[in-house]
Amino acid sequence: ALVFLHQWPLSSRMYDPLLVSLCESHRFRCIAVDRRGFGQSDWSGPEPKGDIDYSVLARDVVGLLEKMKPGPFVFIAASMGTGETVLAHGLSEYVRSNCKVCRTPQHLASR
């Protein structure tokens, strides 16, 4: 699966031009997450009280993935979403066990 995290202040809709092709033509399972308060989400979440920071947003991602259990996946993140992926990886055994590293052709050529 491919798990998309959008940049601030957009929504998962920023990935719309990619999703149809990836799902229909290439048969990838795509999960496009809306950060709380953006897109189709509301501002409240499992932790509605207090400040909302990177750790709260990362726990939102962890909660979603642990509930969905998509199996092996790769994060596709832009801007602020990259920080959430790093924290989510550190917070969850499920994420650590199932998140796969995406290697670029340049990386593979340097081996």
PDB file of N, CA and C in Angstrom:
ATOM      1  N   ALA A   1       0.842  -1.182   0.000  1.00  0.00           N
ATOM      2  CA  ALA A   1       0.000   0.000   0.000  1.00  0.00           C
ATOM      3  C   ALA A   1       0.886   1.244   0.000  1.00  0.00           C
ATOM      4  N   LEU A   2       0.355   2.322  -0.512  1.00  0.00           N
ATOM      5  CA  LEU A   2       1.029   3.622  -0.488  1.00  0.00           C
ATOM      6  C   LEU A   2       0.204   4.527   0.420  1.00  0.00           C
ATOM      7  N   VAL A   3       0.831   5.107   1.444  1.00  0.00           N
ATOM      8  CA  VAL A   3       0.151   5.972   2.401  1.00  0.00           C
ATOM      9  C   VAL A   3       0.618   7.398   2.153  1.00  0.00           C
ATOM     10  N   PHE A   4      -0.290   8.247   1.676  1.00  0.00           N
ATOM     11  CA  PHE A   4       0.019   9.622   1.305  1.00  0.00           C
ATOM     12  C   PHE A   4      -0.311  10.583   2.436  1.00  0.00           C
ATOM     13  N   LEU A   5       0.653  11.432   2.801  1.00  0.00           N
ATOM     14  CA  LEU A   5       0.441  12.491   3.798  1.00  0.00           C
ATOM     15  C   LEU A   5       0.719  13.822   3.116  1.00  0.00           C
ATOM     16  N   HIS A   6      -0.256  14.707   3.173  1.00  0.00           N
ATOM     17  CA  HIS A   6      -0.177  15.972   2.431  1.00  0.00           C
ATOM     18  C   HIS A   6       0.662  17.027   3.146  1.00  0.00           C
ATOM     19  N   GLN A   7       0.984  18.055   2.399  1.00  0.00           N
ATOM     20  CA  GLN A   7       1.725  19.180   2.974  1.00  0.00           C
ATOM     21  C   GLN A   7       0.756  20.192   3.566  1.00  0.00           C
ATOM     22  N   TRP A   8       1.266  21.000   4.469  1.00  0.00           N
ATOM     23  CA  TRP A   8       0.500  22.087   5.076  1.00  0.00           C
ATOM     24  C   TRP A   8       0.372  23.193   4.060  1.00  0.00           C
ATOM     25  N   PRO A   9      -0.699  23.831   3.864  1.00  0.00           N
ATOM     26  CA  PRO A   9      -2.031  23.716   4.430  1.00  0.00           C
ATOM     27  C   PRO A   9      -2.995  23.037   3.476  1.00  0.00           C
ATOM     28  N   LEU A  10      -2.548  22.122   2.661  1.00  0.00           N
ATOM     29  CA  LEU A  10      -3.417  21.479   1.670  1.00  0.00           C
ATOM     30  C   LEU A  10      -4.179  20.314   2.287  1.00  0.00           C
ATOM     31  N   SER A  11      -4.676  19.434   1.454  1.00  0.00           N
ATOM     32  CA  SER A  11      -5.364  18.223   1.903  1.00  0.00           C
ATOM     33  C   SER A  11      -4.904  17.071   1.026  1.00  0.00           C
ATOM     34  N   SER A  12      -5.459  15.915   1.282  1.00  0.00           N
ATOM     35  CA  SER A  12      -5.093  14.744   0.476  1.00  0.00           C
ATOM     36  C   SER A  12      -5.449  14.935  -0.999  1.00  0.00           C
ATOM     37  N   ARG A  13      -6.309  15.894  -1.301  1.00  0.00           N
ATOM     38  CA  ARG A  13      -6.677  16.164  -2.698  1.00  0.00           C
ATOM     39  C   ARG A  13      -5.469  16.560  -3.541  1.00  0.00           C
ATOM     40  N   MET A  14      -4.381  17.001  -2.906  1.00  0.00           N
ATOM     41  CA  MET A  14      -3.187  17.361  -3.672  1.00  0.00           C
ATOM     42  C   MET A  14      -2.643  16.157  -4.447  1.00  0.00           C
ATOM     43  N   TYR A  15      -2.987  14.957  -4.011  1.00  0.00           N
ATOM     44  CA  TYR A  15      -2.505  13.744  -4.667  1.00  0.00           C
ATOM     45  C   TYR A  15      -3.466  13.193  -5.720  1.00  0.00           C
ATOM     46  N   ASP A  16      -4.625  13.845  -5.922  1.00  0.00           N
ATOM     47  CA  ASP A  16      -5.623  13.344  -6.868  1.00  0.00           C
ATOM     48  C   ASP A  16      -5.048  13.017  -8.252  1.00  0.00           C
ATOM     49  N   PRO A  17      -4.175  13.847  -8.820  1.00  0.00           N
ATOM     50  CA  PRO A  17      -3.666  13.511 -10.151  1.00  0.00           C
ATOM     51  C   PRO A  17      -2.904  12.172 -10.206  1.00  0.00           C
ATOM     52  N   LEU A  18      -2.398  11.715  -9.087  1.00  0.00           N
ATOM     53  CA  LEU A  18      -1.650  10.454  -9.059  1.00  0.00           C
ATOM     54  C   LEU A  18      -2.511   9.244  -8.728  1.00  0.00           C
ATOM     55  N   LEU A  19      -3.524   9.445  -7.899  1.00  0.00           N
ATOM     56  CA  LEU A  19      -4.235   8.316  -7.300  1.00  0.00           C
ATOM     57  C   LEU A  19      -4.959   7.436  -8.306  1.00  0.00           C
ATOM     58  N   VAL A  20      -5.639   8.016  -9.268  1.00  0.00           N
ATOM     59  CA  VAL A  20      -6.389   7.205 -10.228  1.00  0.00           C
ATOM     60  C   VAL A  20      -5.445   6.283 -10.991  1.00  0.00           C
ATOM     61  N   SER A  21      -4.361   6.830 -11.474  1.00  0.00           N
ATOM     62  CA  SER A  21      -3.405   6.010 -12.221  1.00  0.00           C
ATOM     63  C   SER A  21      -2.784   4.926 -11.345  1.00  0.00           C
ATOM     64  N   LEU A  22      -2.376   5.291 -10.144  1.00  0.00           N
ATOM     65  CA  LEU A  22      -1.743   4.312  -9.256  1.00  0.00           C
ATOM     66  C   LEU A  22      -2.705   3.193  -8.871  1.00  0.00           C
ATOM     67  N   CYS A  23      -3.957   3.541  -8.626  1.00  0.00           N
ATOM     68  CA  CYS A  23      -4.955   2.534  -8.228  1.00  0.00           C
ATOM     69  C   CYS A  23      -5.445   1.703  -9.406  1.00  0.00           C
ATOM     70  N   GLU A  24      -5.884   2.385 -10.456  1.00  0.00           N
ATOM     71  CA  GLU A  24      -6.536   1.677 -11.550  1.00  0.00           C
ATOM     72  C   GLU A  24      -5.556   1.067 -12.541  1.00  0.00           C
ATOM     73  N   SER A  25      -4.539   1.802 -12.918  1.00  0.00           N
ATOM     74  CA  SER A  25      -3.613   1.299 -13.928  1.00  0.00           C
ATOM     75  C   SER A  25      -2.520   0.414 -13.331  1.00  0.00           C
ATOM     76  N   HIS A  26      -2.034   0.783 -12.164  1.00  0.00           N
ATOM     77  CA  HIS A  26      -0.901   0.063 -11.573  1.00  0.00           C
ATOM     78  C   HIS A  26      -1.299  -0.838 -10.418  1.00  0.00           C
ATOM     79  N   ARG A  27      -2.572  -0.781 -10.014  1.00  0.00           N
ATOM     80  CA  ARG A  27      -3.147  -1.672  -9.002  1.00  0.00           C
ATOM     81  C   ARG A  27      -2.537  -1.543  -7.609  1.00  0.00           C
ATOM     82  N   PHE A  28      -2.035  -0.353  -7.261  1.00  0.00           N
ATOM     83  CA  PHE A  28      -1.559  -0.097  -5.897  1.00  0.00           C
ATOM     84  C   PHE A  28      -2.751   0.212  -5.004  1.00  0.00           C
ATOM     85  N   ARG A  29      -2.669  -0.207  -3.768  1.00  0.00           N
ATOM     86  CA  ARG A  29      -3.646   0.234  -2.770  1.00  0.00           C
ATOM     87  C   ARG A  29      -3.146   1.577  -2.259  1.00  0.00           C
ATOM     88  N   CYS A  30      -3.959   2.613  -2.371  1.00  0.00           N
ATOM     89  CA  CYS A  30      -3.561   3.968  -1.964  1.00  0.00           C
ATOM     90  C   CYS A  30      -4.448   4.444  -0.820  1.00  0.00           C
ATOM     91  N   ILE A  31      -3.804   4.987   0.203  1.00  0.00           N
ATOM     92  CA  ILE A  31      -4.495   5.552   1.355  1.00  0.00           C
ATOM     93  C   ILE A  31      -4.043   7.000   1.453  1.00  0.00           C
ATOM     94  N   ALA A  32      -4.961   7.937   1.203  1.00  0.00           N
ATOM     95  CA  ALA A  32      -4.640   9.364   1.253  1.00  0.00           C
ATOM     96  C   ALA A  32      -5.289   9.953   2.507  1.00  0.00           C
ATOM     97  N   VAL A  33      -4.449  10.327   3.451  1.00  0.00           N
ATOM     98  CA  VAL A  33      -4.891  10.779   4.770  1.00  0.00           C
ATOM     99  C   VAL A  33      -5.085  12.295   4.774  1.00  0.00           C
ATOM    100  N   ASP A  34      -6.186  12.752   5.369  1.00  0.00           N
ATOM    101  CA  ASP A  34      -6.372  14.182   5.626  1.00  0.00           C
ATOM    102  C   ASP A  34      -5.980  14.465   7.067  1.00  0.00           C
ATOM    103  N   ARG A  35      -5.024  15.360   7.252  1.00  0.00           N
ATOM    104  CA  ARG A  35      -4.617  15.790   8.595  1.00  0.00           C
ATOM    105  C   ARG A  35      -5.821  16.451   9.261  1.00  0.00           C
ATOM    106  N   ARG A  36      -5.924  16.316  10.582  1.00  0.00           N
ATOM    107  CA  ARG A  36      -7.078  16.891  11.284  1.00  0.00           C
ATOM    108  C   ARG A  36      -7.214  18.377  10.974  1.00  0.00           C
ATOM    109  N   GLY A  37      -8.455  18.758  10.667  1.00  0.00           N
ATOM    110  CA  GLY A  37      -8.764  20.142  10.329  1.00  0.00           C
ATOM    111  C   GLY A  37      -8.630  20.467   8.857  1.00  0.00           C
ATOM    112  N   PHE A  38      -8.239  19.506   8.030  1.00  0.00           N
ATOM    113  CA  PHE A  38      -8.052  19.741   6.603  1.00  0.00           C
ATOM    114  C   PHE A  38      -8.842  18.710   5.806  1.00  0.00           C
ATOM    115  N   GLY A  39      -9.193  19.085   4.586  1.00  0.00           N
ATOM    116  CA  GLY A  39      -9.906  18.160   3.703  1.00  0.00           C
ATOM    117  C   GLY A  39     -11.201  17.676   4.310  1.00  0.00           C
ATOM    118  N   GLN A  40     -11.379  16.363   4.381  1.00  0.00           N
ATOM    119  CA  GLN A  40     -12.609  15.753   4.870  1.00  0.00           C
ATOM    120  C   GLN A  40     -12.581  15.479   6.377  1.00  0.00           C
ATOM    121  N   SER A  41     -11.568  15.954   7.088  1.00  0.00           N
ATOM    122  CA  SER A  41     -11.489  15.710   8.528  1.00  0.00           C
ATOM    123  C   SER A  41     -11.998  16.924   9.295  1.00  0.00           C
ATOM    124  N   ASP A  42     -12.255  16.710  10.575  1.00  0.00           N
ATOM    125  CA  ASP A  42     -12.580  17.853  11.422  1.00  0.00           C
ATOM    126  C   ASP A  42     -11.396  18.097  12.359  1.00  0.00           C
ATOM    127  N   TRP A  43     -11.482  19.120  13.182  1.00  0.00           N
ATOM    128  CA  TRP A  43     -10.334  19.494  14.017  1.00  0.00           C
ATOM    129  C   TRP A  43     -10.175  18.574  15.208  1.00  0.00           C
ATOM    130  N   SER A  44     -11.274  17.992  15.689  1.00  0.00           N
ATOM    131  CA  SER A  44     -11.164  17.120  16.857  1.00  0.00           C
ATOM    132  C   SER A  44     -10.752  15.727  16.415  1.00  0.00           C
ATOM    133  N   GLY A  45     -10.077  15.058  17.293  1.00  0.00           N
ATOM    134  CA  GLY A  45      -9.631  13.705  17.025  1.00  0.00           C
ATOM    135  C   GLY A  45      -9.646  12.942  18.331  1.00  0.00           C
ATOM    136  N   PRO A  46      -8.885  11.862  18.418  1.00  0.00           N
ATOM    137  CA  PRO A  46      -8.854  11.097  19.651  1.00  0.00           C
ATOM    138  C   PRO A  46      -8.319  11.914  20.835  1.00  0.00           C
ATOM    139  N   GLU A  47      -7.577  12.977  20.551  1.00  0.00           N
ATOM    140  CA  GLU A  47      -7.017  13.829  21.605  1.00  0.00           C
ATOM    141  C   GLU A  47      -7.432  15.285  21.350  1.00  0.00           C
ATOM    142  N   PRO A  48      -8.702  15.628  21.532  1.00  0.00           N
ATOM    143  CA  PRO A  48      -9.155  16.969  21.160  1.00  0.00           C
ATOM    144  C   PRO A  48      -8.702  18.080  22.099  1.00  0.00           C
ATOM    145  N   LYS A  49      -8.255  17.778  23.309  1.00  0.00           N
ATOM    146  CA  LYS A  49      -7.890  18.818  24.260  1.00  0.00           C
ATOM    147  C   LYS A  49      -6.406  19.145  24.161  1.00  0.00           C
ATOM    148  N   GLY A  50      -6.081  20.414  24.372  1.00  0.00           N
ATOM    149  CA  GLY A  50      -4.683  20.814  24.395  1.00  0.00           C
ATOM    150  C   GLY A  50      -4.162  21.198  23.025  1.00  0.00           C
ATOM    151  N   ASP A  51      -2.876  21.459  22.998  1.00  0.00           N
ATOM    152  CA  ASP A  51      -2.229  21.870  21.760  1.00  0.00           C
ATOM    153  C   ASP A  51      -2.110  20.701  20.795  1.00  0.00           C
ATOM    154  N   ILE A  52      -2.154  21.033  19.522  1.00  0.00           N
ATOM    155  CA  ILE A  52      -1.948  20.026  18.489  1.00  0.00           C
ATOM    156  C   ILE A  52      -0.573  20.279  17.901  1.00  0.00           C
ATOM    157  N   ASP A  53       0.299  19.286  18.037  1.00  0.00           N
ATOM    158  CA  ASP A  53       1.660  19.402  17.535  1.00  0.00           C
ATOM    159  C   ASP A  53       1.995  18.159  16.712  1.00  0.00           C
ATOM    160  N   TYR A  54       3.247  18.065  16.304  1.00  0.00           N
ATOM    161  CA  TYR A  54       3.672  16.921  15.492  1.00  0.00           C
ATOM    162  C   TYR A  54       3.351  15.584  16.159  1.00  0.00           C
ATOM    163  N   SER A  55       3.565  15.485  17.464  1.00  0.00           N
ATOM    164  CA  SER A  55       3.334  14.194  18.119  1.00  0.00           C
ATOM    165  C   SER A  55       1.858  13.809  18.081  1.00  0.00           C
ATOM    166  N   VAL A  56       0.953  14.769  18.220  1.00  0.00           N
ATOM    167  CA  VAL A  56      -0.477  14.478  18.128  1.00  0.00           C
ATOM    168  C   VAL A  56      -0.825  14.037  16.710  1.00  0.00           C
ATOM    169  N   LEU A  57      -0.294  14.735  15.723  1.00  0.00           N
ATOM    170  CA  LEU A  57      -0.567  14.372  14.330  1.00  0.00           C
ATOM    171  C   LEU A  57       0.007  12.993  14.001  1.00  0.00           C
ATOM    172  N   ALA A  58       1.177  12.689  14.526  1.00  0.00           N
ATOM    173  CA  ALA A  58       1.779  11.369  14.305  1.00  0.00           C
ATOM    174  C   ALA A  58       0.929  10.282  14.957  1.00  0.00           C
ATOM    175  N   ARG A  59       0.411  10.536  16.153  1.00  0.00           N
ATOM    176  CA  ARG A  59      -0.454   9.548  16.815  1.00  0.00           C
ATOM    177  C   ARG A  59      -1.750   9.348  16.023  1.00  0.00           C
ATOM    178  N   ASP A  60      -2.233  10.400  15.364  1.00  0.00           N
ATOM    179  CA  ASP A  60      -3.401  10.245  14.485  1.00  0.00           C
ATOM    180  C   ASP A  60      -3.091   9.253  13.365  1.00  0.00           C
ATOM    181  N   VAL A  61      -1.928   9.401  12.752  1.00  0.00           N
ATOM    182  CA  VAL A  61      -1.527   8.498  11.656  1.00  0.00           C
ATOM    183  C   VAL A  61      -1.368   7.078  12.182  1.00  0.00           C
ATOM    184  N   VAL A  62      -0.710   6.939  13.328  1.00  0.00           N
ATOM    185  CA  VAL A  62      -0.524   5.618  13.937  1.00  0.00           C
ATOM    186  C   VAL A  62      -1.883   4.979  14.220  1.00  0.00           C
ATOM    187  N   GLY A  63      -2.795   5.746  14.825  1.00  0.00           N
ATOM    188  CA  GLY A  63      -4.119   5.208  15.139  1.00  0.00           C
ATOM    189  C   GLY A  63      -4.850   4.724  13.902  1.00  0.00           C
ATOM    190  N   LEU A  64      -4.765   5.495  12.832  1.00  0.00           N
ATOM    191  CA  LEU A  64      -5.412   5.104  11.580  1.00  0.00           C
ATOM    192  C   LEU A  64      -4.811   3.818  11.020  1.00  0.00           C
ATOM    193  N   LEU A  65      -3.479   3.766  10.941  1.00  0.00           N
ATOM    194  CA  LEU A  65      -2.833   2.586  10.360  1.00  0.00           C
ATOM    195  C   LEU A  65      -3.031   1.348  11.224  1.00  0.00           C
ATOM    196  N   GLU A  66      -2.969   1.511  12.536  1.00  0.00           N
ATOM    197  CA  GLU A  66      -3.194   0.352  13.407  1.00  0.00           C
ATOM    198  C   GLU A  66      -4.632  -0.140  13.320  1.00  0.00           C
ATOM    199  N   LYS A  67      -5.568   0.749  13.058  1.00  0.00           N
ATOM    200  CA  LYS A  67      -6.969   0.347  12.897  1.00  0.00           C
ATOM    201  C   LYS A  67      -7.205  -0.305  11.532  1.00  0.00           C
ATOM    202  N   MET A  68      -6.632   0.286  10.469  1.00  0.00           N
ATOM    203  CA  MET A  68      -6.827  -0.241   9.109  1.00  0.00           C
ATOM    204  C   MET A  68      -6.030  -1.512   8.853  1.00  0.00           C
ATOM    205  N   LYS A  69      -4.842  -1.591   9.445  1.00  0.00           N
ATOM    206  CA  LYS A  69      -3.921  -2.714   9.230  1.00  0.00           C
ATOM    207  C   LYS A  69      -3.714  -3.007   7.736  1.00  0.00           C
ATOM    208  N   PRO A  70      -3.136  -2.051   7.003  1.00  0.00           N
ATOM    209  CA  PRO A  70      -2.965  -2.257   5.563  1.00  0.00           C
ATOM    210  C   PRO A  70      -1.878  -3.265   5.201  1.00  0.00           C
ATOM    211  N   GLY A  71      -1.112  -3.751   6.165  1.00  0.00           N
ATOM    212  CA  GLY A  71       0.009  -4.634   5.858  1.00  0.00           C
ATOM    213  C   GLY A  71       1.188  -3.796   5.406  1.00  0.00           C
ATOM    214  N   PRO A  72       2.083  -4.363   4.614  1.00  0.00           N
ATOM    215  CA  PRO A  72       3.268  -3.615   4.176  1.00  0.00           C
ATOM    216  C   PRO A  72       2.868  -2.348   3.410  1.00  0.00           C
ATOM    217  N   PHE A  73       3.559  -1.252   3.707  1.00  0.00           N
ATOM    218  CA  PHE A  73       3.241   0.014   3.055  1.00  0.00           C
ATOM    219  C   PHE A  73       4.494   0.880   2.953  1.00  0.00           C
ATOM    220  N   VAL A  74       4.369   1.922   2.127  1.00  0.00           N
ATOM    221  CA  VAL A  74       5.399   2.947   1.972  1.00  0.00           C
ATOM    222  C   VAL A  74       4.718   4.288   2.209  1.00  0.00           C
ATOM    223  N   PHE A  75       5.344   5.135   3.031  1.00  0.00           N
ATOM    224  CA  PHE A  75       4.849   6.501   3.205  1.00  0.00           C
ATOM    225  C   PHE A  75       5.259   7.341   2.001  1.00  0.00           C
ATOM    226  N   ILE A  76       4.340   8.134   1.489  1.00  0.00           N
ATOM    227  CA  ILE A  76       4.615   9.160   0.494  1.00  0.00           C
ATOM    228  C   ILE A  76       4.207  10.460   1.175  1.00  0.00           C
ATOM    229  N   ALA A  77       5.170  11.304   1.507  1.00  0.00           N
ATOM    230  CA  ALA A  77       4.862  12.491   2.302  1.00  0.00           C
ATOM    231  C   ALA A  77       5.513  13.723   1.700  1.00  0.00           C
ATOM    232  N   ALA A  78       4.833  14.856   1.895  1.00  0.00           N
ATOM    233  CA  ALA A  78       5.353  16.135   1.421  1.00  0.00           C
ATOM    234  C   ALA A  78       5.424  17.098   2.591  1.00  0.00           C
ATOM    235  N   SER A  79       6.452  17.914   2.619  1.00  0.00           N
ATOM    236  CA  SER A  79       6.588  18.987   3.584  1.00  0.00           C
ATOM    237  C   SER A  79       6.403  18.483   5.002  1.00  0.00           C
ATOM    238  N   MET A  80       5.417  19.009   5.706  1.00  0.00           N
ATOM    239  CA  MET A  80       5.171  18.676   7.102  1.00  0.00           C
ATOM    240  C   MET A  80       4.847  17.198   7.312  1.00  0.00           C
ATOM    241  N   GLY A  81       4.311  16.544   6.317  1.00  0.00           N
ATOM    242  CA  GLY A  81       3.976  15.123   6.432  1.00  0.00           C
ATOM    243  C   GLY A  81       5.179  14.253   6.707  1.00  0.00           C
ATOM    244  N   THR A  82       6.356  14.690   6.285  1.00  0.00           N
ATOM    245  CA  THR A  82       7.555  13.880   6.522  1.00  0.00           C
ATOM    246  C   THR A  82       7.869  13.781   8.010  1.00  0.00           C
ATOM    247  N   GLY A  83       7.661  14.856   8.757  1.00  0.00           N
ATOM    248  CA  GLY A  83       7.880  14.810  10.202  1.00  0.00           C
ATOM    249  C   GLY A  83       6.929  13.842  10.885  1.00  0.00           C
ATOM    250  N   GLU A  84       5.701  13.816  10.422  1.00  0.00           N
ATOM    251  CA  GLU A  84       4.720  12.885  10.985  1.00  0.00           C
ATOM    252  C   GLU A  84       5.134  11.443  10.744  1.00  0.00           C
ATOM    253  N   THR A  85       5.687  11.154   9.572  1.00  0.00           N
ATOM    254  CA  THR A  85       6.079   9.776   9.281  1.00  0.00           C
ATOM    255  C   THR A  85       7.220   9.329  10.191  1.00  0.00           C
ATOM    256  N   VAL A  86       8.178  10.207  10.429  1.00  0.00           N
ATOM    257  CA  VAL A  86       9.308   9.854  11.296  1.00  0.00           C
ATOM    258  C   VAL A  86       8.815   9.570  12.713  1.00  0.00           C
ATOM    259  N   LEU A  87       7.965  10.444  13.241  1.00  0.00           N
ATOM    260  CA  LEU A  87       7.442  10.235  14.589  1.00  0.00           C
ATOM    261  C   LEU A  87       6.541   8.999  14.656  1.00  0.00           C
ATOM    262  N   ALA A  88       5.706   8.789  13.656  1.00  0.00           N
ATOM    263  CA  ALA A  88       4.833   7.607  13.634  1.00  0.00           C
ATOM    264  C   ALA A  88       5.673   6.332  13.658  1.00  0.00           C
ATOM    265  N   HIS A  89       6.773   6.337  12.931  1.00  0.00           N
ATOM    266  CA  HIS A  89       7.666   5.179  12.899  1.00  0.00           C
ATOM    267  C   HIS A  89       8.212   4.889  14.296  1.00  0.00           C
ATOM    268  N   GLY A  90       8.561   5.929  15.025  1.00  0.00           N
ATOM    269  CA  GLY A  90       9.099   5.746  16.369  1.00  0.00           C
ATOM    270  C   GLY A  90       8.063   5.367  17.406  1.00  0.00           C
ATOM    271  N   LEU A  91       6.797   5.704  17.163  1.00  0.00           N
ATOM    272  CA  LEU A  91       5.739   5.473  18.146  1.00  0.00           C
ATOM    273  C   LEU A  91       5.094   4.096  18.077  1.00  0.00           C
ATOM    274  N   SER A  92       5.203   3.426  16.953  1.00  0.00           N
ATOM    275  CA  SER A  92       4.380   2.235  16.747  1.00  0.00           C
ATOM    276  C   SER A  92       5.171   1.042  16.230  1.00  0.00           C
ATOM    277  N   GLU A  93       5.061  -0.052  16.925  1.00  0.00           N
ATOM    278  CA  GLU A  93       5.673  -1.306  16.455  1.00  0.00           C
ATOM    279  C   GLU A  93       5.024  -1.742  15.146  1.00  0.00           C
ATOM    280  N   TYR A  94       3.704  -1.533  15.021  1.00  0.00           N
ATOM    281  CA  TYR A  94       3.019  -1.900  13.778  1.00  0.00           C
ATOM    282  C   TYR A  94       3.620  -1.134  12.596  1.00  0.00           C
ATOM    283  N   VAL A  95       3.802   0.173  12.766  1.00  0.00           N
ATOM    284  CA  VAL A  95       4.365   0.988  11.690  1.00  0.00           C
ATOM    285  C   VAL A  95       5.790   0.528  11.384  1.00  0.00           C
ATOM    286  N   ARG A  96       6.615   0.331  12.404  1.00  0.00           N
ATOM    287  CA  ARG A  96       8.008  -0.108  12.176  1.00  0.00           C
ATOM    288  C   ARG A  96       8.049  -1.447  11.446  1.00  0.00           C
ATOM    289  N   SER A  97       7.142  -2.345  11.787  1.00  0.00           N
ATOM    290  CA  SER A  97       7.149  -3.682  11.179  1.00  0.00           C
ATOM    291  C   SER A  97       6.663  -3.683   9.739  1.00  0.00           C
ATOM    292  N   ASN A  98       5.806  -2.734   9.393  1.00  0.00           N
ATOM    293  CA  ASN A  98       5.177  -2.765   8.072  1.00  0.00           C
ATOM    294  C   ASN A  98       5.639  -1.683   7.105  1.00  0.00           C
ATOM    295  N   CYS A  99       6.281  -0.639   7.613  1.00  0.00           N
ATOM    296  CA  CYS A  99       6.759   0.436   6.743  1.00  0.00           C
ATOM    297  C   CYS A  99       7.996  -0.041   5.991  1.00  0.00           C
ATOM    298  N   LYS A 100       7.946   0.041   4.714  1.00  0.00           N
ATOM    299  CA  LYS A 100       9.055  -0.396   3.860  1.00  0.00           C
ATOM    300  C   LYS A 100       9.786   0.822   3.325  1.00  0.00           C
ATOM    301  N   VAL A 101      11.063   0.677   3.079  1.00  0.00           N
ATOM    302  CA  VAL A 101      11.867   1.780   2.555  1.00  0.00           C
ATOM    303  C   VAL A 101      11.733   1.795   1.040  1.00  0.00           C
ATOM    304  N   CYS A 102      11.481   2.972   0.516  1.00  0.00           N
ATOM    305  CA  CYS A 102      11.407   3.142  -0.931  1.00  0.00           C
ATOM    306  C   CYS A 102      12.766   3.623  -1.418  1.00  0.00           C
ATOM    307  N   ARG A 103      13.371   2.904  -2.298  1.00  0.00           N
ATOM    308  CA  ARG A 103      14.687   3.281  -2.797  1.00  0.00           C
ATOM    309  C   ARG A 103      14.553   3.868  -4.201  1.00  0.00           C
ATOM    310  N   THR A 104      15.297   4.932  -4.449  1.00  0.00           N
ATOM    311  CA  THR A 104      15.256   5.554  -5.750  1.00  0.00           C
ATOM    312  C   THR A 104      16.215   4.842  -6.697  1.00  0.00           C
ATOM    313  N   PRO A 105      16.026   4.975  -8.003  1.00  0.00           N
ATOM    314  CA  PRO A 105      16.970   4.365  -8.947  1.00  0.00           C
ATOM    315  C   PRO A 105      18.396   4.871  -8.720  1.00  0.00           C
ATOM    316  N   GLN A 106      18.571   6.153  -8.329  1.00  0.00           N
ATOM    317  CA  GLN A 106      19.909   6.694  -8.084  1.00  0.00           C
ATOM    318  C   GLN A 106      20.542   5.969  -6.897  1.00  0.00           C
ATOM    319  N   HIS A 107      19.770   5.692  -5.857  1.00  0.00           N
ATOM    320  CA  HIS A 107      20.278   4.985  -4.687  1.00  0.00           C
ATOM    321  C   HIS A 107      20.736   3.582  -5.071  1.00  0.00           C
ATOM    322  N   LEU A 108      19.927   2.894  -5.873  1.00  0.00           N
ATOM    323  CA  LEU A 108      20.279   1.526  -6.262  1.00  0.00           C
ATOM    324  C   LEU A 108      21.505   1.503  -7.152  1.00  0.00           C
ATOM    325  N   ALA A 109      21.672   2.510  -8.013  1.00  0.00           N
ATOM    326  CA  ALA A 109      22.817   2.558  -8.916  1.00  0.00           C
ATOM    327  C   ALA A 109      24.129   2.782  -8.159  1.00  0.00           C
ATOM    328  N   SER A 110      24.046   3.405  -6.980  1.00  0.00           N
ATOM    329  CA  SER A 110      25.273   3.714  -6.237  1.00  0.00           C
ATOM    330  C   SER A 110      25.787   2.521  -5.447  1.00  0.00           C
ATOM    331  N   ARG A 111      25.071   1.421  -5.435  1.00  0.00           N
ATOM    332  CA  ARG A 111      25.510   0.250  -4.673  1.00  0.00           C
ATOM    333  C   ARG A 111      26.575  -0.524  -5.379  1.00  0.00           C
TER     334      ARG A 111
END
